[in-house]
Amino acid sequence: IYEIGGGIPNGKKFKAAQTGGPSGGCIPASLID
């Protein structure tokens, strides 16, 4: 997210990333590592 994707626009905080489509889940900021 940060080194390749350049981070979140407009200085906003990262909340979650959704992976795996409908079968997956949302990974919260607490698990960003």
PDB file of all heavy atoms in Angstrom:
ATOM      1  N   ILE A   1       0.816  -1.216   0.000  1.00  0.00           N
ATOM      2  CA  ILE A   1       0.000   0.000   0.000  1.00  0.00           C
ATOM      3  C   ILE A   1       0.847   1.264   0.000  1.00  0.00           C
ATOM      4  O   ILE A   1       0.577   2.211  -0.760  1.00  0.00           O
ATOM      5  CB  ILE A   1      -0.970  -0.016   1.198  1.00  0.00           C
ATOM      6  CG1 ILE A   1      -2.016  -1.124   0.994  1.00  0.00           C
ATOM      7  CG2 ILE A   1      -1.637   1.341   1.387  1.00  0.00           C
ATOM      8  CD1 ILE A   1      -2.912  -1.352   2.176  1.00  0.00           C
ATOM      9  N   TYR A   2       1.889   1.298   0.807  1.00  0.00           N
ATOM     10  CA  TYR A   2       2.641   2.545   0.964  1.00  0.00           C
ATOM     11  C   TYR A   2       3.889   2.637   0.080  1.00  0.00           C
ATOM     12  O   TYR A   2       4.170   3.702  -0.484  1.00  0.00           O
ATOM     13  CB  TYR A   2       3.011   2.749   2.438  1.00  0.00           C
ATOM     14  CG  TYR A   2       1.812   3.166   3.259  1.00  0.00           C
ATOM     15  CD1 TYR A   2       1.090   2.236   4.002  1.00  0.00           C
ATOM     16  CD2 TYR A   2       1.377   4.487   3.266  1.00  0.00           C
ATOM     17  CE1 TYR A   2      -0.029   2.611   4.730  1.00  0.00           C
ATOM     18  CE2 TYR A   2       0.261   4.876   3.990  1.00  0.00           C
ATOM     19  CZ  TYR A   2      -0.434   3.937   4.723  1.00  0.00           C
ATOM     20  OH  TYR A   2      -1.543   4.313   5.435  1.00  0.00           O
ATOM     21  N   GLU A   3       4.650   1.554  -0.056  1.00  0.00           N
ATOM     22  CA  GLU A   3       5.887   1.647  -0.829  1.00  0.00           C
ATOM     23  C   GLU A   3       5.642   1.500  -2.329  1.00  0.00           C
ATOM     24  O   GLU A   3       6.328   2.120  -3.138  1.00  0.00           O
ATOM     25  CB  GLU A   3       6.883   0.585  -0.347  1.00  0.00           C
ATOM     26  CG  GLU A   3       7.355   0.819   1.084  1.00  0.00           C
ATOM     27  CD  GLU A   3       8.372  -0.215   1.545  1.00  0.00           C
ATOM     28  OE1 GLU A   3       8.985  -0.883   0.669  1.00  0.00           O
ATOM     29  OE2 GLU A   3       8.550  -0.353   2.769  1.00  0.00           O
ATOM     30  N   ILE A   4       4.657   0.687  -2.695  1.00  0.00           N
ATOM     31  CA  ILE A   4       4.351   0.496  -4.112  1.00  0.00           C
ATOM     32  C   ILE A   4       3.157   1.355  -4.522  1.00  0.00           C
ATOM     33  O   ILE A   4       3.209   2.069  -5.519  1.00  0.00           O
ATOM     34  CB  ILE A   4       4.079  -0.991  -4.422  1.00  0.00           C
ATOM     35  CG1 ILE A   4       5.338  -1.822  -4.152  1.00  0.00           C
ATOM     36  CG2 ILE A   4       3.613  -1.175  -5.859  1.00  0.00           C
ATOM     37  CD1 ILE A   4       5.149  -3.323  -4.306  1.00  0.00           C
ATOM     38  N   GLY A   5       2.103   1.297  -3.746  1.00  0.00           N
ATOM     39  CA  GLY A   5       0.875   2.020  -4.085  1.00  0.00           C
ATOM     40  C   GLY A   5       0.892   3.503  -3.779  1.00  0.00           C
ATOM     41  O   GLY A   5      -0.035   4.220  -4.156  1.00  0.00           O
ATOM     42  N   GLY A   6       1.929   3.974  -3.095  1.00  0.00           N
ATOM     43  CA  GLY A   6       2.035   5.410  -2.850  1.00  0.00           C
ATOM     44  C   GLY A   6       1.201   5.935  -1.704  1.00  0.00           C
ATOM     45  O   GLY A   6       1.150   7.143  -1.471  1.00  0.00           O
ATOM     46  N   GLY A   7       0.529   5.036  -0.973  1.00  0.00           N
ATOM     47  CA  GLY A   7      -0.249   5.473   0.178  1.00  0.00           C
ATOM     48  C   GLY A   7      -1.648   5.944  -0.170  1.00  0.00           C
ATOM     49  O   GLY A   7      -2.127   5.815  -1.302  1.00  0.00           O
ATOM     50  N   ILE A   8      -2.319   6.512   0.846  1.00  0.00           N
ATOM     51  CA  ILE A   8      -3.712   6.934   0.719  1.00  0.00           C
ATOM     52  C   ILE A   8      -3.757   8.395   0.263  1.00  0.00           C
ATOM     53  O   ILE A   8      -3.024   9.231   0.794  1.00  0.00           O
ATOM     54  CB  ILE A   8      -4.449   6.775   2.068  1.00  0.00           C
ATOM     55  CG1 ILE A   8      -4.119   5.406   2.691  1.00  0.00           C
ATOM     56  CG2 ILE A   8      -5.943   6.953   1.887  1.00  0.00           C
ATOM     57  CD1 ILE A   8      -4.496   4.217   1.860  1.00  0.00           C
ATOM     58  N   PRO A   9      -4.594   8.743  -0.693  1.00  0.00           N
ATOM     59  CA  PRO A   9      -4.659  10.128  -1.175  1.00  0.00           C
ATOM     60  C   PRO A   9      -5.154  11.096  -0.103  1.00  0.00           C
ATOM     61  O   PRO A   9      -5.860  10.711   0.846  1.00  0.00           O
ATOM     62  CB  PRO A   9      -5.660  10.056  -2.335  1.00  0.00           C
ATOM     63  CG  PRO A   9      -5.760   8.616  -2.694  1.00  0.00           C
ATOM     64  CD  PRO A   9      -5.493   7.852  -1.438  1.00  0.00           C
ATOM     65  N   ASN A  10      -4.769  12.360  -0.283  1.00  0.00           N
ATOM     66  CA  ASN A  10      -5.269  13.476   0.522  1.00  0.00           C
ATOM     67  C   ASN A  10      -4.974  13.345   2.012  1.00  0.00           C
ATOM     68  O   ASN A  10      -5.708  13.895   2.848  1.00  0.00           O
ATOM     69  CB  ASN A  10      -6.792  13.649   0.310  1.00  0.00           C
ATOM     70  CG  ASN A  10      -7.148  13.807  -1.159  1.00  0.00           C
ATOM     71  OD1 ASN A  10      -6.499  14.553  -1.887  1.00  0.00           O
ATOM     72  ND2 ASN A  10      -8.179  13.090  -1.602  1.00  0.00           N
ATOM     73  N   GLY A  11      -3.922  12.611   2.351  1.00  0.00           N
ATOM     74  CA  GLY A  11      -3.515  12.507   3.742  1.00  0.00           C
ATOM     75  C   GLY A  11      -4.458  11.727   4.627  1.00  0.00           C
ATOM     76  O   GLY A  11      -4.364  11.792   5.858  1.00  0.00           O
ATOM     77  N   LYS A  12      -5.372  10.986   4.030  1.00  0.00           N
ATOM     78  CA  LYS A  12      -6.344  10.217   4.815  1.00  0.00           C
ATOM     79  C   LYS A  12      -5.677   8.993   5.452  1.00  0.00           C
ATOM     80  O   LYS A  12      -4.612   8.537   5.028  1.00  0.00           O
ATOM     81  CB  LYS A  12      -7.495   9.757   3.909  1.00  0.00           C
ATOM     82  CG  LYS A  12      -8.286  10.891   3.269  1.00  0.00           C
ATOM     83  CD  LYS A  12      -9.209  11.563   4.251  1.00  0.00           C
ATOM     84  CE  LYS A  12     -10.098  12.579   3.552  1.00  0.00           C
ATOM     85  NZ  LYS A  12     -11.063  13.196   4.469  1.00  0.00           N
ATOM     86  N   LYS A  13      -6.339   8.448   6.466  1.00  0.00           N
ATOM     87  CA  LYS A  13      -5.829   7.262   7.147  1.00  0.00           C
ATOM     88  C   LYS A  13      -6.346   5.994   6.467  1.00  0.00           C
ATOM     89  O   LYS A  13      -7.488   5.936   6.010  1.00  0.00           O
ATOM     90  CB  LYS A  13      -6.265   7.260   8.615  1.00  0.00           C
ATOM     91  CG  LYS A  13      -5.634   8.372   9.448  1.00  0.00           C
ATOM     92  CD  LYS A  13      -6.130   8.296  10.889  1.00  0.00           C
ATOM     93  CE  LYS A  13      -5.523   9.409  11.735  1.00  0.00           C
ATOM     94  NZ  LYS A  13      -6.018   9.368  13.130  1.00  0.00           N
ATOM     95  N   PHE A  14      -5.493   4.999   6.450  1.00  0.00           N
ATOM     96  CA  PHE A  14      -5.876   3.692   5.932  1.00  0.00           C
ATOM     97  C   PHE A  14      -6.831   3.018   6.912  1.00  0.00           C
ATOM     98  O   PHE A  14      -6.584   2.987   8.113  1.00  0.00           O
ATOM     99  CB  PHE A  14      -4.624   2.830   5.741  1.00  0.00           C
ATOM    100  CG  PHE A  14      -4.910   1.367   5.474  1.00  0.00           C
ATOM    101  CD1 PHE A  14      -5.467   0.962   4.282  1.00  0.00           C
ATOM    102  CD2 PHE A  14      -4.610   0.395   6.430  1.00  0.00           C
ATOM    103  CE1 PHE A  14      -5.722  -0.383   4.021  1.00  0.00           C
ATOM    104  CE2 PHE A  14      -4.854  -0.944   6.192  1.00  0.00           C
ATOM    105  CZ  PHE A  14      -5.414  -1.330   4.982  1.00  0.00           C
ATOM    106  N   LYS A  15      -7.933   2.495   6.398  1.00  0.00           N
ATOM    107  CA  LYS A  15      -8.897   1.789   7.257  1.00  0.00           C
ATOM    108  C   LYS A  15      -8.860   0.283   7.042  1.00  0.00           C
ATOM    109  O   LYS A  15      -8.795  -0.486   8.000  1.00  0.00           O
ATOM    110  CB  LYS A  15     -10.314   2.301   7.030  1.00  0.00           C
ATOM    111  CG  LYS A  15     -11.366   1.550   7.858  1.00  0.00           C
ATOM    112  CD  LYS A  15     -12.758   2.131   7.702  1.00  0.00           C
ATOM    113  CE  LYS A  15     -12.946   3.332   8.613  1.00  0.00           C
ATOM    114  NZ  LYS A  15     -14.365   3.792   8.627  1.00  0.00           N
ATOM    115  N   ALA A  16      -8.911  -0.159   5.795  1.00  0.00           N
ATOM    116  CA  ALA A  16      -8.968  -1.602   5.530  1.00  0.00           C
ATOM    117  C   ALA A  16      -8.650  -1.870   4.067  1.00  0.00           C
ATOM    118  O   ALA A  16      -8.718  -0.971   3.223  1.00  0.00           O
ATOM    119  CB  ALA A  16     -10.352  -2.160   5.870  1.00  0.00           C
ATOM    120  N   ALA A  17      -8.313  -3.129   3.772  1.00  0.00           N
ATOM    121  CA  ALA A  17      -8.133  -3.589   2.398  1.00  0.00           C
ATOM    122  C   ALA A  17      -8.960  -4.852   2.222  1.00  0.00           C
ATOM    123  O   ALA A  17      -8.881  -5.767   3.044  1.00  0.00           O
ATOM    124  CB  ALA A  17      -6.668  -3.874   2.092  1.00  0.00           C
ATOM    125  N   GLN A  18      -9.763  -4.867   1.175  1.00  0.00           N
ATOM    126  CA  GLN A  18     -10.593  -6.034   0.901  1.00  0.00           C
ATOM    127  C   GLN A  18      -9.880  -6.924  -0.111  1.00  0.00           C
ATOM    128  O   GLN A  18      -9.462  -6.466  -1.173  1.00  0.00           O
ATOM    129  CB  GLN A  18     -11.957  -5.593   0.348  1.00  0.00           C
ATOM    130  CG  GLN A  18     -13.073  -6.615   0.540  1.00  0.00           C
ATOM    131  CD  GLN A  18     -13.103  -7.692  -0.526  1.00  0.00           C
ATOM    132  OE1 GLN A  18     -12.567  -7.514  -1.606  1.00  0.00           O
ATOM    133  NE2 GLN A  18     -13.712  -8.827  -0.204  1.00  0.00           N
ATOM    134  N   THR A  19      -9.699  -8.188   0.234  1.00  0.00           N
ATOM    135  CA  THR A  19      -9.075  -9.147  -0.680  1.00  0.00           C
ATOM    136  C   THR A  19      -9.968 -10.376  -0.805  1.00  0.00           C
ATOM    137  O   THR A  19     -10.805 -10.640   0.042  1.00  0.00           O
ATOM    138  CB  THR A  19      -7.685  -9.598  -0.177  1.00  0.00           C
ATOM    139  OG1 THR A  19      -7.838 -10.315   1.057  1.00  0.00           O
ATOM    140  CG2 THR A  19      -6.755  -8.417   0.028  1.00  0.00           C
ATOM    141  N   GLY A  20      -9.770 -11.110  -1.880  1.00  0.00           N
ATOM    142  CA  GLY A  20     -10.469 -12.389  -2.026  1.00  0.00           C
ATOM    143  C   GLY A  20     -11.867 -12.308  -2.577  1.00  0.00           C
ATOM    144  O   GLY A  20     -12.577 -13.308  -2.599  1.00  0.00           O
ATOM    145  N   GLY A  21     -12.295 -11.120  -3.030  1.00  0.00           N
ATOM    146  CA  GLY A  21     -13.639 -11.008  -3.589  1.00  0.00           C
ATOM    147  C   GLY A  21     -14.709 -11.350  -2.574  1.00  0.00           C
ATOM    148  O   GLY A  21     -14.502 -11.240  -1.355  1.00  0.00           O
ATOM    149  N   PRO A  22     -15.875 -11.807  -3.032  1.00  0.00           N
ATOM    150  CA  PRO A  22     -16.983 -12.120  -2.124  1.00  0.00           C
ATOM    151  C   PRO A  22     -16.655 -13.202  -1.098  1.00  0.00           C
ATOM    152  O   PRO A  22     -17.284 -13.272  -0.044  1.00  0.00           O
ATOM    153  CB  PRO A  22     -18.089 -12.596  -3.070  1.00  0.00           C
ATOM    154  CG  PRO A  22     -17.754 -11.979  -4.378  1.00  0.00           C
ATOM    155  CD  PRO A  22     -16.258 -11.950  -4.446  1.00  0.00           C
ATOM    156  N   SER A  23     -15.672 -14.042  -1.399  1.00  0.00           N
ATOM    157  CA  SER A  23     -15.302 -15.112  -0.473  1.00  0.00           C
ATOM    158  C   SER A  23     -14.262 -14.665   0.545  1.00  0.00           C
ATOM    159  O   SER A  23     -13.933 -15.420   1.460  1.00  0.00           O
ATOM    160  CB  SER A  23     -14.751 -16.314  -1.249  1.00  0.00           C
ATOM    161  OG  SER A  23     -15.689 -16.771  -2.189  1.00  0.00           O
ATOM    162  N   GLY A  24     -13.703 -13.474   0.363  1.00  0.00           N
ATOM    163  CA  GLY A  24     -12.618 -13.013   1.210  1.00  0.00           C
ATOM    164  C   GLY A  24     -13.093 -12.197   2.388  1.00  0.00           C
ATOM    165  O   GLY A  24     -14.148 -12.468   2.974  1.00  0.00           O
ATOM    166  N   GLY A  25     -12.314 -11.187   2.731  1.00  0.00           N
ATOM    167  CA  GLY A  25     -12.663 -10.372   3.887  1.00  0.00           C
ATOM    168  C   GLY A  25     -11.927  -9.051   3.844  1.00  0.00           C
ATOM    169  O   GLY A  25     -11.122  -8.782   2.949  1.00  0.00           O
ATOM    170  N   CYS A  26     -12.212  -8.203   4.823  1.00  0.00           N
ATOM    171  CA  CYS A  26     -11.575  -6.897   4.926  1.00  0.00           C
ATOM    172  C   CYS A  26     -10.480  -6.959   6.000  1.00  0.00           C
ATOM    173  O   CYS A  26     -10.752  -7.313   7.152  1.00  0.00           O
ATOM    174  CB  CYS A  26     -12.600  -5.829   5.276  1.00  0.00           C
ATOM    175  SG  CYS A  26     -13.809  -5.542   3.972  1.00  0.00           S
ATOM    176  N   ILE A  27      -9.276  -6.590   5.627  1.00  0.00           N
ATOM    177  CA  ILE A  27      -8.141  -6.617   6.548  1.00  0.00           C
ATOM    178  C   ILE A  27      -8.024  -5.232   7.178  1.00  0.00           C
ATOM    179  O   ILE A  27      -7.772  -4.253   6.472  1.00  0.00           O
ATOM    180  CB  ILE A  27      -6.844  -6.971   5.803  1.00  0.00           C
ATOM    181  CG1 ILE A  27      -7.010  -8.306   5.062  1.00  0.00           C
ATOM    182  CG2 ILE A  27      -5.668  -7.026   6.768  1.00  0.00           C
ATOM    183  CD1 ILE A  27      -5.871  -8.625   4.112  1.00  0.00           C
ATOM    184  N   PRO A  28      -8.199  -5.107   8.502  1.00  0.00           N
ATOM    185  CA  PRO A  28      -8.182  -3.784   9.138  1.00  0.00           C
ATOM    186  C   PRO A  28      -6.778  -3.218   9.281  1.00  0.00           C
ATOM    187  O   PRO A  28      -5.777  -3.936   9.126  1.00  0.00           O
ATOM    188  CB  PRO A  28      -8.799  -4.071  10.510  1.00  0.00           C
ATOM    189  CG  PRO A  28      -8.423  -5.487  10.795  1.00  0.00           C
ATOM    190  CD  PRO A  28      -8.473  -6.194   9.468  1.00  0.00           C
ATOM    191  N   ALA A  29      -6.704  -1.940   9.616  1.00  0.00           N
ATOM    192  CA  ALA A  29      -5.423  -1.252   9.759  1.00  0.00           C
ATOM    193  C   ALA A  29      -4.533  -1.912  10.808  1.00  0.00           C
ATOM    194  O   ALA A  29      -3.310  -1.891  10.694  1.00  0.00           O
ATOM    195  CB  ALA A  29      -5.657   0.213  10.102  1.00  0.00           C
ATOM    196  N   SER A  30      -5.136  -2.502  11.810  1.00  0.00           N
ATOM    197  CA  SER A  30      -4.351  -3.135  12.881  1.00  0.00           C
ATOM    198  C   SER A  30      -3.547  -4.330  12.383  1.00  0.00           C
ATOM    199  O   SER A  30      -2.607  -4.773  13.036  1.00  0.00           O
ATOM    200  CB  SER A  30      -5.268  -3.583  14.013  1.00  0.00           C
ATOM    201  OG  SER A  30      -6.223  -4.523  13.540  1.00  0.00           O
ATOM    202  N   LEU A  31      -3.904  -4.859  11.212  1.00  0.00           N
ATOM    203  CA  LEU A  31      -3.216  -6.028  10.656  1.00  0.00           C
ATOM    204  C   LEU A  31      -2.448  -5.681   9.384  1.00  0.00           C
ATOM    205  O   LEU A  31      -2.181  -6.548   8.552  1.00  0.00           O
ATOM    206  CB  LEU A  31      -4.232  -7.146  10.363  1.00  0.00           C
ATOM    207  CG  LEU A  31      -4.966  -7.716  11.579  1.00  0.00           C
ATOM    208  CD1 LEU A  31      -6.022  -8.724  11.145  1.00  0.00           C
ATOM    209  CD2 LEU A  31      -3.980  -8.366  12.549  1.00  0.00           C
ATOM    210  N   ILE A  32      -2.062  -4.417   9.247  1.00  0.00           N
ATOM    211  CA  ILE A  32      -1.423  -3.967   8.009  1.00  0.00           C
ATOM    212  C   ILE A  32      -0.051  -4.593   7.784  1.00  0.00           C
ATOM    213  O   ILE A  32       0.457  -4.618   6.663  1.00  0.00           O
ATOM    214  CB  ILE A  32      -1.332  -2.424   7.992  1.00  0.00           C
ATOM    215  CG1 ILE A  32      -1.003  -1.936   6.572  1.00  0.00           C
ATOM    216  CG2 ILE A  32      -0.309  -1.928   9.014  1.00  0.00           C
ATOM    217  CD1 ILE A  32      -1.092  -0.443   6.390  1.00  0.00           C
ATOM    218  N   ASP A  33       0.563  -5.124   8.826  1.00  0.00           N
ATOM    219  CA  ASP A  33       1.868  -5.753   8.652  1.00  0.00           C
ATOM    220  C   ASP A  33       1.769  -7.253   8.381  1.00  0.00           C
ATOM    221  O   ASP A  33       2.777  -7.975   8.402  1.00  0.00           O
ATOM    222  CB  ASP A  33       2.749  -5.491   9.874  1.00  0.00           C
ATOM    223  CG  ASP A  33       3.187  -4.033   9.953  1.00  0.00           C
ATOM    224  OD1 ASP A  33       3.709  -3.530   8.946  1.00  0.00           O
ATOM    225  OD2 ASP A  33       2.968  -3.395  10.999  1.00  0.00           O
TER     226      ASP A  33
END
